[in-house]
Amino acid sequence: MIDEKCNTIHRERGAYMRVIAGSARRLQLKTLDGIDTRPTTDRIKETLFNMIAPYIYDCVFLDLFSGSGGIGIEALSRGAKEAVFVENNPKAMACIKENLKFTRLEKKAVTWNRDVMTALHQMEGKKVFDYIFMDPPYNQKLEQGVLEYLSGSSLVYEDTVIIAEASRETDFSYLDDLGFHLLKEKVYKTNKHVFMEKAGKEEIC
């Protein structure tokens, strides 16, 4: 049975979380109450996907620290071939599964209810992703640990685009040392999206 915290649609900054475009357009998604699963707002999510929309169709998408799954579900709705959701919180994972069922996208989804680093190790040699998105808790340097792992991982192509959502003050000056190229940085009021890859494109939009 889904936890009662997931039985009502949660409002984030005055707006329902919803799918912006694609096959599940306008469907409202459920999230957990509280700050542990801070959802990306609709406005920021729309800005993000406006930048990467031309390349989403038929891609393989990895959503790390998935929360309620809104980013990966948006990718699937817009035509991604597959999305893998990694989320350690079992209550949040229950919401992801309910949202996938509600949007009728569960057949294209794989869910991993475990720690992100454990999941990355277990997927090694089995998956390669076109896009990797991560939205870890802010200011804990979790994104740096993931990038250190991905720098030597077979989970990424040379042109896999990695996107990190982080607080505005988060430092990414170490990217060159890990062999990543900064593609773009989109700064919002309190946070930002940082786009990177091992080599290749000068820009993505």
N, C-alpha and C. Protein backbone atom coordinates (compact mmCIF):
# COMPACT_ATOMS: atom_id res chain seq x y z
N MET A 1 0.85 -1.20 0.00
CA MET A 1 0.00 0.00 0.00
C MET A 1 0.88 1.24 0.00
N ILE A 2 0.55 2.22 -0.87
CA ILE A 2 1.33 3.44 -0.96
C ILE A 2 1.17 4.23 0.33
N ASP A 3 2.28 4.75 0.85
CA ASP A 3 2.24 5.54 2.08
C ASP A 3 1.29 6.72 1.94
N GLU A 4 0.60 7.06 3.03
CA GLU A 4 -0.41 8.11 2.97
C GLU A 4 0.15 9.46 2.56
N LYS A 5 1.46 9.68 2.77
CA LYS A 5 2.07 10.93 2.34
C LYS A 5 2.07 11.08 0.84
N CYS A 6 1.89 9.98 0.12
CA CYS A 6 1.91 10.02 -1.34
C CYS A 6 0.50 10.00 -1.92
N ASN A 7 -0.51 10.03 -1.08
CA ASN A 7 -1.87 9.92 -1.55
C ASN A 7 -2.46 11.22 -2.04
N THR A 8 -1.82 12.34 -1.75
CA THR A 8 -2.29 13.63 -2.22
C THR A 8 -1.21 14.30 -3.03
N ILE A 9 -1.64 15.08 -4.00
CA ILE A 9 -0.69 15.79 -4.85
C ILE A 9 -0.12 16.96 -4.07
N HIS A 10 1.20 17.02 -4.04
CA HIS A 10 1.91 18.03 -3.26
C HIS A 10 2.11 19.29 -4.08
N ARG A 11 1.90 20.46 -3.48
CA ARG A 11 2.15 21.72 -4.15
C ARG A 11 3.56 22.20 -3.86
N GLU A 12 4.28 22.57 -4.87
CA GLU A 12 5.63 23.12 -4.72
C GLU A 12 5.63 24.55 -5.22
N ARG A 13 5.85 25.51 -4.34
CA ARG A 13 5.89 26.93 -4.67
C ARG A 13 4.62 27.35 -5.39
N GLY A 14 3.48 26.84 -4.94
CA GLY A 14 2.19 27.29 -5.46
C GLY A 14 1.75 26.63 -6.74
N ALA A 15 2.47 25.66 -7.26
CA ALA A 15 2.10 25.03 -8.52
C ALA A 15 2.15 23.52 -8.40
N TYR A 16 1.15 22.85 -8.98
CA TYR A 16 1.18 21.39 -9.02
C TYR A 16 2.36 20.93 -9.87
N MET A 17 2.97 19.81 -9.47
CA MET A 17 3.96 19.18 -10.32
C MET A 17 3.22 18.45 -11.43
N ARG A 18 3.63 18.68 -12.64
CA ARG A 18 2.93 18.08 -13.78
C ARG A 18 3.91 17.75 -14.88
N VAL A 19 3.47 16.94 -15.81
CA VAL A 19 4.24 16.65 -17.01
C VAL A 19 4.00 17.80 -17.98
N ILE A 20 5.08 18.36 -18.52
CA ILE A 20 4.96 19.56 -19.33
C ILE A 20 4.52 19.27 -20.76
N ALA A 21 5.09 18.22 -21.37
CA ALA A 21 4.84 17.97 -22.79
C ALA A 21 4.91 16.48 -23.09
N GLY A 22 4.42 16.12 -24.28
CA GLY A 22 4.52 14.73 -24.73
C GLY A 22 3.27 13.91 -24.46
N SER A 23 3.43 12.61 -24.43
CA SER A 23 2.29 11.69 -24.33
C SER A 23 1.53 11.82 -23.02
N ALA A 24 2.22 12.26 -21.96
CA ALA A 24 1.57 12.42 -20.65
C ALA A 24 1.35 13.89 -20.30
N ARG A 25 1.32 14.73 -21.28
CA ARG A 25 1.20 16.18 -21.08
C ARG A 25 0.04 16.54 -20.15
N ARG A 26 0.35 17.44 -19.21
CA ARG A 26 -0.60 18.02 -18.26
C ARG A 26 -1.03 17.09 -17.14
N LEU A 27 -0.57 15.86 -17.16
CA LEU A 27 -0.92 14.97 -16.04
C LEU A 27 -0.18 15.41 -14.79
N GLN A 28 -0.87 15.40 -13.67
CA GLN A 28 -0.30 15.86 -12.41
C GLN A 28 0.38 14.70 -11.69
N LEU A 29 1.57 14.97 -11.17
CA LEU A 29 2.36 13.94 -10.51
C LEU A 29 2.31 14.10 -9.00
N LYS A 30 2.41 12.99 -8.31
CA LYS A 30 2.44 13.00 -6.85
C LYS A 30 3.88 13.05 -6.35
N THR A 31 4.06 13.72 -5.23
CA THR A 31 5.38 13.77 -4.60
C THR A 31 5.21 13.60 -3.10
N LEU A 32 6.30 13.31 -2.43
CA LEU A 32 6.28 13.25 -0.97
C LEU A 32 6.33 14.64 -0.40
N ASP A 33 5.65 14.84 0.73
CA ASP A 33 5.78 16.09 1.47
C ASP A 33 7.17 16.18 2.10
N GLY A 34 7.66 17.41 2.27
CA GLY A 34 8.92 17.60 2.97
C GLY A 34 10.06 17.93 2.04
N ILE A 35 11.20 18.29 2.63
CA ILE A 35 12.32 18.79 1.84
C ILE A 35 13.24 17.68 1.37
N ASP A 36 13.07 16.46 1.87
CA ASP A 36 13.98 15.38 1.48
C ASP A 36 13.86 15.03 0.01
N THR A 37 12.68 15.23 -0.56
CA THR A 37 12.46 14.94 -1.97
C THR A 37 12.04 16.22 -2.68
N ARG A 38 12.86 17.25 -2.59
CA ARG A 38 12.60 18.56 -3.18
C ARG A 38 12.37 18.44 -4.68
N PRO A 39 11.12 18.64 -5.17
CA PRO A 39 10.90 18.49 -6.60
C PRO A 39 11.39 19.70 -7.40
N THR A 40 11.85 19.44 -8.62
CA THR A 40 12.19 20.52 -9.52
C THR A 40 10.90 21.19 -9.97
N THR A 41 10.81 22.50 -9.83
CA THR A 41 9.56 23.18 -10.16
C THR A 41 9.24 23.07 -11.65
N ASP A 42 7.96 23.23 -11.97
CA ASP A 42 7.54 23.15 -13.37
C ASP A 42 8.27 24.17 -14.24
N ARG A 43 8.46 25.38 -13.72
CA ARG A 43 9.11 26.42 -14.51
C ARG A 43 10.54 26.03 -14.85
N ILE A 44 11.28 25.54 -13.85
CA ILE A 44 12.67 25.15 -14.08
C ILE A 44 12.74 23.90 -14.96
N LYS A 45 11.82 22.96 -14.73
CA LYS A 45 11.80 21.75 -15.55
C LYS A 45 11.52 22.09 -17.02
N GLU A 46 10.60 23.02 -17.25
CA GLU A 46 10.30 23.41 -18.62
C GLU A 46 11.50 24.07 -19.28
N THR A 47 12.22 24.91 -18.54
CA THR A 47 13.43 25.53 -19.07
C THR A 47 14.47 24.48 -19.42
N LEU A 48 14.66 23.53 -18.53
CA LEU A 48 15.61 22.44 -18.77
C LEU A 48 15.28 21.69 -20.06
N PHE A 49 14.04 21.27 -20.19
CA PHE A 49 13.68 20.45 -21.35
C PHE A 49 13.59 21.26 -22.64
N ASN A 50 13.37 22.56 -22.55
CA ASN A 50 13.45 23.38 -23.75
C ASN A 50 14.86 23.34 -24.34
N MET A 51 15.86 23.17 -23.47
CA MET A 51 17.25 23.15 -23.93
C MET A 51 17.64 21.80 -24.53
N ILE A 52 17.05 20.71 -24.04
CA ILE A 52 17.49 19.39 -24.49
C ILE A 52 16.44 18.65 -25.31
N ALA A 53 15.27 19.24 -25.50
CA ALA A 53 14.16 18.56 -26.17
C ALA A 53 14.50 17.96 -27.53
N PRO A 54 15.29 18.64 -28.38
CA PRO A 54 15.57 18.08 -29.71
C PRO A 54 16.33 16.75 -29.67
N TYR A 55 16.94 16.43 -28.53
CA TYR A 55 17.80 15.25 -28.47
C TYR A 55 17.23 14.14 -27.59
N ILE A 56 16.02 14.35 -27.04
CA ILE A 56 15.47 13.40 -26.08
C ILE A 56 14.88 12.16 -26.76
N TYR A 57 14.29 12.32 -27.93
CA TYR A 57 13.60 11.19 -28.56
C TYR A 57 14.54 10.01 -28.76
N ASP A 58 14.08 8.84 -28.32
CA ASP A 58 14.78 7.57 -28.49
C ASP A 58 16.08 7.47 -27.68
N CYS A 59 16.28 8.36 -26.73
CA CYS A 59 17.49 8.30 -25.91
C CYS A 59 17.28 7.37 -24.72
N VAL A 60 18.39 7.02 -24.06
CA VAL A 60 18.34 6.27 -22.80
C VAL A 60 18.73 7.25 -21.70
N PHE A 61 17.86 7.42 -20.72
CA PHE A 61 17.94 8.50 -19.74
C PHE A 61 18.10 7.92 -18.35
N LEU A 62 19.05 8.47 -17.59
CA LEU A 62 19.26 8.04 -16.20
C LEU A 62 18.91 9.20 -15.27
N ASP A 63 17.99 8.94 -14.34
CA ASP A 63 17.53 9.94 -13.38
C ASP A 63 18.01 9.52 -11.99
N LEU A 64 19.08 10.17 -11.50
CA LEU A 64 19.67 9.84 -10.21
C LEU A 64 19.10 10.74 -9.12
N PHE A 65 18.97 10.21 -7.90
CA PHE A 65 18.31 10.93 -6.80
C PHE A 65 16.94 11.37 -7.31
N SER A 66 16.14 10.41 -7.77
CA SER A 66 14.96 10.69 -8.59
C SER A 66 13.83 11.42 -7.87
N GLY A 67 13.76 11.34 -6.54
CA GLY A 67 12.64 11.97 -5.85
C GLY A 67 11.33 11.34 -6.25
N SER A 68 10.43 12.12 -6.83
CA SER A 68 9.15 11.59 -7.29
C SER A 68 9.20 11.16 -8.75
N GLY A 69 10.37 11.31 -9.40
CA GLY A 69 10.53 10.83 -10.77
C GLY A 69 10.13 11.81 -11.85
N GLY A 70 9.90 13.07 -11.49
CA GLY A 70 9.37 14.03 -12.46
C GLY A 70 10.25 14.26 -13.66
N ILE A 71 11.57 14.25 -13.48
CA ILE A 71 12.47 14.51 -14.61
C ILE A 71 12.50 13.33 -15.57
N GLY A 72 12.69 12.13 -15.04
CA GLY A 72 12.70 10.95 -15.89
C GLY A 72 11.38 10.72 -16.59
N ILE A 73 10.29 10.99 -15.89
CA ILE A 73 8.96 10.84 -16.50
C ILE A 73 8.77 11.85 -17.63
N GLU A 74 9.26 13.06 -17.44
CA GLU A 74 9.19 14.06 -18.50
C GLU A 74 9.96 13.57 -19.73
N ALA A 75 11.13 12.97 -19.51
CA ALA A 75 11.91 12.45 -20.62
C ALA A 75 11.15 11.34 -21.36
N LEU A 76 10.54 10.44 -20.61
CA LEU A 76 9.77 9.37 -21.23
C LEU A 76 8.58 9.92 -22.00
N SER A 77 7.89 10.89 -21.41
CA SER A 77 6.73 11.48 -22.07
C SER A 77 7.12 12.12 -23.40
N ARG A 78 8.34 12.63 -23.47
CA ARG A 78 8.81 13.30 -24.69
C ARG A 78 9.48 12.34 -25.67
N GLY A 79 9.45 11.05 -25.39
CA GLY A 79 9.90 10.08 -26.38
C GLY A 79 11.16 9.33 -26.07
N ALA A 80 11.71 9.48 -24.87
CA ALA A 80 12.89 8.69 -24.51
C ALA A 80 12.57 7.20 -24.63
N LYS A 81 13.53 6.43 -25.09
CA LYS A 81 13.33 4.99 -25.26
C LYS A 81 13.23 4.28 -23.92
N GLU A 82 14.03 4.73 -22.96
CA GLU A 82 14.05 4.11 -21.64
C GLU A 82 14.53 5.13 -20.62
N ALA A 83 14.01 5.03 -19.41
CA ALA A 83 14.51 5.84 -18.30
C ALA A 83 14.73 4.94 -17.10
N VAL A 84 15.87 5.13 -16.47
CA VAL A 84 16.21 4.39 -15.26
C VAL A 84 16.13 5.37 -14.09
N PHE A 85 15.39 5.00 -13.07
CA PHE A 85 15.18 5.85 -11.90
C PHE A 85 15.91 5.24 -10.71
N VAL A 86 16.79 6.01 -10.08
CA VAL A 86 17.53 5.54 -8.91
C VAL A 86 17.16 6.42 -7.73
N GLU A 87 16.57 5.83 -6.71
CA GLU A 87 16.12 6.57 -5.53
C GLU A 87 16.20 5.66 -4.31
N ASN A 88 16.88 6.11 -3.27
CA ASN A 88 17.12 5.29 -2.09
C ASN A 88 15.94 5.28 -1.11
N ASN A 89 15.15 6.34 -1.12
CA ASN A 89 14.01 6.47 -0.19
C ASN A 89 12.85 5.58 -0.66
N PRO A 90 12.46 4.57 0.11
CA PRO A 90 11.40 3.66 -0.36
C PRO A 90 10.05 4.34 -0.54
N LYS A 91 9.76 5.37 0.25
CA LYS A 91 8.49 6.08 0.09
C LYS A 91 8.49 6.89 -1.20
N ALA A 92 9.64 7.50 -1.51
CA ALA A 92 9.75 8.22 -2.78
C ALA A 92 9.66 7.25 -3.96
N MET A 93 10.29 6.09 -3.83
CA MET A 93 10.21 5.10 -4.90
C MET A 93 8.78 4.64 -5.12
N ALA A 94 8.01 4.53 -4.05
CA ALA A 94 6.59 4.18 -4.20
C ALA A 94 5.86 5.23 -5.02
N CYS A 95 6.20 6.50 -4.80
CA CYS A 95 5.60 7.58 -5.59
C CYS A 95 6.02 7.50 -7.06
N ILE A 96 7.29 7.20 -7.30
CA ILE A 96 7.76 7.06 -8.68
C ILE A 96 6.94 5.98 -9.40
N LYS A 97 6.79 4.85 -8.76
CA LYS A 97 6.06 3.74 -9.39
C LYS A 97 4.60 4.11 -9.62
N GLU A 98 4.00 4.81 -8.68
CA GLU A 98 2.61 5.23 -8.86
C GLU A 98 2.50 6.25 -10.00
N ASN A 99 3.46 7.17 -10.07
CA ASN A 99 3.44 8.15 -11.15
C ASN A 99 3.66 7.50 -12.51
N LEU A 100 4.54 6.51 -12.57
CA LEU A 100 4.76 5.78 -13.83
C LEU A 100 3.51 5.04 -14.28
N LYS A 101 2.84 4.44 -13.33
CA LYS A 101 1.59 3.73 -13.65
C LYS A 101 0.52 4.71 -14.12
N PHE A 102 0.40 5.83 -13.42
CA PHE A 102 -0.62 6.83 -13.75
C PHE A 102 -0.39 7.42 -15.14
N THR A 103 0.87 7.64 -15.50
CA THR A 103 1.19 8.22 -16.81
C THR A 103 1.31 7.16 -17.91
N ARG A 104 1.16 5.89 -17.54
CA ARG A 104 1.23 4.77 -18.47
C ARG A 104 2.60 4.68 -19.16
N LEU A 105 3.62 4.96 -18.39
CA LEU A 105 4.99 4.93 -18.91
C LEU A 105 5.84 3.86 -18.25
N GLU A 106 5.22 3.02 -17.43
CA GLU A 106 6.00 2.07 -16.64
C GLU A 106 6.72 1.03 -17.49
N LYS A 107 6.22 0.74 -18.70
CA LYS A 107 6.86 -0.28 -19.53
C LYS A 107 8.22 0.18 -20.08
N LYS A 108 8.44 1.49 -20.09
CA LYS A 108 9.72 2.01 -20.57
C LYS A 108 10.64 2.42 -19.43
N ALA A 109 10.26 2.06 -18.20
CA ALA A 109 11.01 2.51 -17.03
C ALA A 109 11.64 1.34 -16.28
N VAL A 110 12.79 1.61 -15.67
CA VAL A 110 13.45 0.67 -14.77
C VAL A 110 13.67 1.42 -13.46
N THR A 111 13.28 0.81 -12.34
CA THR A 111 13.42 1.48 -11.04
C THR A 111 14.40 0.73 -10.15
N TRP A 112 15.29 1.52 -9.52
CA TRP A 112 16.30 0.97 -8.61
C TRP A 112 16.14 1.64 -7.25
N ASN A 113 15.63 0.91 -6.28
CA ASN A 113 15.46 1.45 -4.93
C ASN A 113 16.71 1.13 -4.11
N ARG A 114 17.75 1.96 -4.32
CA ARG A 114 19.01 1.75 -3.61
C ARG A 114 19.86 3.01 -3.70
N ASP A 115 20.95 3.01 -2.95
CA ASP A 115 21.90 4.11 -2.97
C ASP A 115 22.45 4.33 -4.38
N VAL A 116 22.64 5.59 -4.74
CA VAL A 116 23.09 5.93 -6.10
C VAL A 116 24.42 5.27 -6.45
N MET A 117 25.40 5.34 -5.56
CA MET A 117 26.70 4.76 -5.88
C MET A 117 26.63 3.25 -6.04
N THR A 118 25.82 2.60 -5.22
CA THR A 118 25.62 1.16 -5.35
C THR A 118 25.00 0.84 -6.70
N ALA A 119 23.99 1.62 -7.08
CA ALA A 119 23.31 1.39 -8.37
C ALA A 119 24.28 1.57 -9.54
N LEU A 120 25.10 2.61 -9.49
CA LEU A 120 26.06 2.84 -10.58
C LEU A 120 27.01 1.66 -10.73
N HIS A 121 27.52 1.16 -9.62
CA HIS A 121 28.42 0.00 -9.67
C HIS A 121 27.70 -1.21 -10.26
N GLN A 122 26.44 -1.41 -9.89
CA GLN A 122 25.70 -2.59 -10.34
C GLN A 122 25.28 -2.50 -11.80
N MET A 123 25.16 -1.28 -12.33
CA MET A 123 24.80 -1.11 -13.74
C MET A 123 26.01 -1.17 -14.66
N GLU A 124 27.20 -1.09 -14.09
CA GLU A 124 28.43 -1.05 -14.89
C GLU A 124 28.50 -2.25 -15.84
N GLY A 125 28.75 -1.95 -17.12
CA GLY A 125 28.86 -3.00 -18.12
C GLY A 125 27.53 -3.48 -18.67
N LYS A 126 26.42 -2.96 -18.12
CA LYS A 126 25.09 -3.40 -18.55
C LYS A 126 24.30 -2.29 -19.25
N LYS A 127 24.65 -1.05 -18.96
CA LYS A 127 23.91 0.08 -19.50
C LYS A 127 24.89 1.14 -20.00
N VAL A 128 24.44 1.92 -20.99
CA VAL A 128 25.13 3.14 -21.40
C VAL A 128 24.04 4.18 -21.63
N PHE A 129 24.26 5.39 -21.13
CA PHE A 129 23.21 6.40 -21.15
C PHE A 129 23.56 7.57 -22.05
N ASP A 130 22.52 8.09 -22.72
CA ASP A 130 22.67 9.30 -23.52
C ASP A 130 22.60 10.55 -22.66
N TYR A 131 21.74 10.50 -21.63
CA TYR A 131 21.59 11.61 -20.69
C TYR A 131 21.63 11.07 -19.27
N ILE A 132 22.34 11.77 -18.40
CA ILE A 132 22.33 11.46 -16.98
C ILE A 132 21.98 12.74 -16.24
N PHE A 133 20.88 12.69 -15.49
CA PHE A 133 20.45 13.84 -14.69
C PHE A 133 20.56 13.47 -13.22
N MET A 134 21.08 14.41 -12.41
CA MET A 134 21.13 14.15 -10.97
C MET A 134 20.70 15.39 -10.20
N ASP A 135 19.93 15.15 -9.16
CA ASP A 135 19.44 16.23 -8.31
C ASP A 135 19.63 15.81 -6.85
N PRO A 136 20.89 15.73 -6.39
CA PRO A 136 21.14 15.28 -5.02
C PRO A 136 20.81 16.37 -4.01
N PRO A 137 20.72 16.04 -2.73
CA PRO A 137 20.59 17.08 -1.70
C PRO A 137 21.69 18.12 -1.86
N TYR A 138 21.31 19.37 -1.72
CA TYR A 138 22.26 20.45 -1.98
C TYR A 138 23.39 20.52 -0.95
N ASN A 139 24.53 21.00 -1.42
CA ASN A 139 25.67 21.38 -0.57
C ASN A 139 26.23 20.23 0.27
N GLN A 140 26.16 19.02 -0.25
CA GLN A 140 26.77 17.87 0.42
C GLN A 140 27.84 17.22 -0.44
N LYS A 141 28.14 17.82 -1.60
CA LYS A 141 29.16 17.35 -2.53
C LYS A 141 28.87 15.95 -3.08
N LEU A 142 27.60 15.55 -3.06
CA LEU A 142 27.24 14.24 -3.59
C LEU A 142 27.43 14.19 -5.10
N GLU A 143 27.16 15.32 -5.77
CA GLU A 143 27.34 15.35 -7.22
C GLU A 143 28.80 15.15 -7.59
N GLN A 144 29.72 15.62 -6.77
CA GLN A 144 31.15 15.45 -7.07
C GLN A 144 31.54 13.97 -6.99
N GLY A 145 31.02 13.27 -6.02
CA GLY A 145 31.30 11.83 -5.92
C GLY A 145 30.78 11.06 -7.12
N VAL A 146 29.59 11.43 -7.59
CA VAL A 146 29.03 10.78 -8.78
C VAL A 146 29.89 11.07 -10.00
N LEU A 147 30.31 12.31 -10.16
CA LEU A 147 31.12 12.68 -11.32
C LEU A 147 32.49 12.02 -11.28
N GLU A 148 33.06 11.90 -10.10
CA GLU A 148 34.33 11.19 -9.98
C GLU A 148 34.19 9.75 -10.45
N TYR A 149 33.06 9.13 -10.11
CA TYR A 149 32.84 7.75 -10.56
C TYR A 149 32.62 7.71 -12.07
N LEU A 150 31.76 8.60 -12.59
CA LEU A 150 31.43 8.58 -14.00
C LEU A 150 32.62 8.91 -14.90
N SER A 151 33.61 9.60 -14.36
CA SER A 151 34.77 9.98 -15.17
C SER A 151 35.52 8.76 -15.70
N GLY A 152 35.40 7.64 -15.02
CA GLY A 152 36.06 6.42 -15.49
C GLY A 152 35.11 5.28 -15.74
N SER A 153 33.84 5.62 -15.98
CA SER A 153 32.79 4.59 -16.08
C SER A 153 32.42 4.28 -17.53
N SER A 154 31.99 3.05 -17.77
CA SER A 154 31.49 2.65 -19.09
C SER A 154 30.02 3.01 -19.26
N LEU A 155 29.42 3.66 -18.26
CA LEU A 155 28.01 4.06 -18.33
C LEU A 155 27.81 5.26 -19.23
N VAL A 156 28.89 5.94 -19.61
CA VAL A 156 28.78 7.14 -20.42
C VAL A 156 29.51 6.97 -21.75
N TYR A 157 28.88 7.53 -22.80
CA TYR A 157 29.57 7.67 -24.08
C TYR A 157 30.46 8.91 -24.01
N GLU A 158 31.24 9.15 -25.04
CA GLU A 158 32.04 10.38 -25.08
C GLU A 158 31.15 11.61 -25.14
N ASP A 159 29.95 11.48 -25.75
CA ASP A 159 29.06 12.64 -25.85
C ASP A 159 27.82 12.51 -24.98
N THR A 160 27.86 11.63 -23.98
CA THR A 160 26.77 11.61 -23.00
C THR A 160 26.70 12.96 -22.30
N VAL A 161 25.51 13.53 -22.23
CA VAL A 161 25.32 14.80 -21.53
C VAL A 161 24.91 14.52 -20.09
N ILE A 162 25.68 15.06 -19.16
CA ILE A 162 25.40 14.91 -17.74
C ILE A 162 24.91 16.26 -17.22
N ILE A 163 23.79 16.24 -16.52
CA ILE A 163 23.19 17.47 -16.00
C ILE A 163 23.08 17.35 -14.48
N ALA A 164 23.64 18.31 -13.78
CA ALA A 164 23.54 18.33 -12.32
C ALA A 164 22.72 19.53 -11.90
N GLU A 165 21.72 19.29 -11.05
CA GLU A 165 20.99 20.38 -10.41
C GLU A 165 21.63 20.60 -9.04
N ALA A 166 21.97 21.85 -8.74
CA ALA A 166 22.70 22.16 -7.52
C ALA A 166 22.37 23.57 -7.05
N SER A 167 22.76 23.88 -5.83
CA SER A 167 22.59 25.24 -5.33
C SER A 167 23.47 26.19 -6.14
N ARG A 168 23.12 27.46 -6.15
CA ARG A 168 23.89 28.44 -6.94
C ARG A 168 25.36 28.48 -6.56
N GLU A 169 25.65 28.27 -5.28
CA GLU A 169 27.02 28.41 -4.80
C GLU A 169 27.87 27.16 -4.98
N THR A 170 27.28 26.08 -5.48
CA THR A 170 28.04 24.84 -5.64
C THR A 170 29.18 25.02 -6.64
N ASP A 171 30.36 24.60 -6.25
CA ASP A 171 31.57 24.76 -7.05
C ASP A 171 31.77 23.56 -7.98
N PHE A 172 31.94 23.84 -9.27
CA PHE A 172 32.23 22.79 -10.25
C PHE A 172 33.57 23.04 -10.94
N SER A 173 34.47 23.76 -10.29
CA SER A 173 35.74 24.10 -10.91
C SER A 173 36.64 22.89 -11.12
N TYR A 174 36.30 21.77 -10.53
CA TYR A 174 37.10 20.55 -10.64
C TYR A 174 36.79 19.75 -11.91
N LEU A 175 35.84 20.19 -12.73
CA LEU A 175 35.40 19.39 -13.88
C LEU A 175 36.55 19.04 -14.82
N ASP A 176 37.39 20.01 -15.11
CA ASP A 176 38.52 19.75 -16.02
C ASP A 176 39.43 18.65 -15.48
N ASP A 177 39.63 18.65 -14.17
CA ASP A 177 40.49 17.64 -13.56
C ASP A 177 39.92 16.23 -13.72
N LEU A 178 38.59 16.14 -13.83
CA LEU A 178 37.94 14.84 -14.00
C LEU A 178 37.77 14.47 -15.47
N GLY A 179 38.17 15.36 -16.36
CA GLY A 179 38.07 15.07 -17.79
C GLY A 179 36.73 15.44 -18.40
N PHE A 180 35.98 16.32 -17.72
CA PHE A 180 34.70 16.78 -18.25
C PHE A 180 34.82 18.18 -18.82
N HIS A 181 34.00 18.43 -19.83
CA HIS A 181 33.94 19.75 -20.46
C HIS A 181 32.61 20.40 -20.08
N LEU A 182 32.67 21.62 -19.54
CA LEU A 182 31.46 22.36 -19.20
C LEU A 182 30.79 22.85 -20.47
N LEU A 183 29.56 22.40 -20.71
CA LEU A 183 28.83 22.81 -21.90
C LEU A 183 28.04 24.09 -21.67
N LYS A 184 27.39 24.15 -20.52
CA LYS A 184 26.49 25.27 -20.25
C LYS A 184 26.15 25.29 -18.77
N GLU A 185 25.88 26.47 -18.26
CA GLU A 185 25.40 26.62 -16.89
C GLU A 185 24.20 27.56 -16.92
N LYS A 186 23.06 27.08 -16.46
CA LYS A 186 21.84 27.88 -16.41
C LYS A 186 21.52 28.17 -14.95
N VAL A 187 21.59 29.45 -14.58
CA VAL A 187 21.43 29.85 -13.19
C VAL A 187 20.03 30.40 -12.96
N TYR A 188 19.38 29.92 -11.91
CA TYR A 188 18.06 30.38 -11.51
C TYR A 188 18.19 31.20 -10.22
N LYS A 189 17.08 31.47 -9.58
CA LYS A 189 17.08 32.32 -8.39
C LYS A 189 17.88 31.70 -7.24
N THR A 190 17.67 30.42 -6.98
CA THR A 190 18.33 29.79 -5.83
C THR A 190 19.17 28.58 -6.22
N ASN A 191 19.09 28.13 -7.46
CA ASN A 191 19.83 26.94 -7.87
C ASN A 191 20.28 27.08 -9.31
N LYS A 192 20.85 26.01 -9.86
CA LYS A 192 21.34 26.06 -11.22
C LYS A 192 21.39 24.67 -11.82
N HIS A 193 21.43 24.61 -13.14
CA HIS A 193 21.68 23.39 -13.88
C HIS A 193 23.03 23.52 -14.56
N VAL A 194 23.87 22.53 -14.37
CA VAL A 194 25.19 22.50 -14.97
C VAL A 194 25.24 21.34 -15.96
N PHE A 195 25.56 21.64 -17.21
CA PHE A 195 25.60 20.65 -18.29
C PHE A 195 27.06 20.36 -18.64
N MET A 196 27.38 19.10 -18.76
CA MET A 196 28.78 18.72 -19.05
C MET A 196 28.83 17.42 -19.84
N GLU A 197 29.97 17.16 -20.46
CA GLU A 197 30.22 15.91 -21.14
C GLU A 197 31.73 15.68 -21.20
N LYS A 198 32.11 14.48 -21.58
CA LYS A 198 33.54 14.17 -21.64
C LYS A 198 34.23 14.91 -22.78
N ALA A 199 33.55 15.03 -23.90
CA ALA A 199 34.12 15.72 -25.06
C ALA A 199 33.01 15.99 -26.03
N GLY A 200 33.23 16.89 -26.98
CA GLY A 200 32.24 17.05 -28.05
C GLY A 200 31.63 18.41 -28.14
N LYS A 201 30.30 18.44 -28.02
CA LYS A 201 29.52 19.62 -28.38
C LYS A 201 29.99 20.88 -27.67
N GLU A 202 29.92 21.98 -28.39
CA GLU A 202 30.24 23.27 -27.80
C GLU A 202 29.05 23.81 -27.04
N GLU A 203 27.85 23.50 -27.50
CA GLU A 203 26.64 23.95 -26.81
C GLU A 203 25.54 22.97 -27.13
N ILE A 204 24.41 23.06 -26.36
CA ILE A 204 23.34 22.10 -26.56
C ILE A 204 22.05 22.75 -26.97
N CYS A 205 22.05 24.02 -27.19
CA CYS A 205 20.80 24.67 -27.58
C CYS A 205 21.10 25.86 -28.48
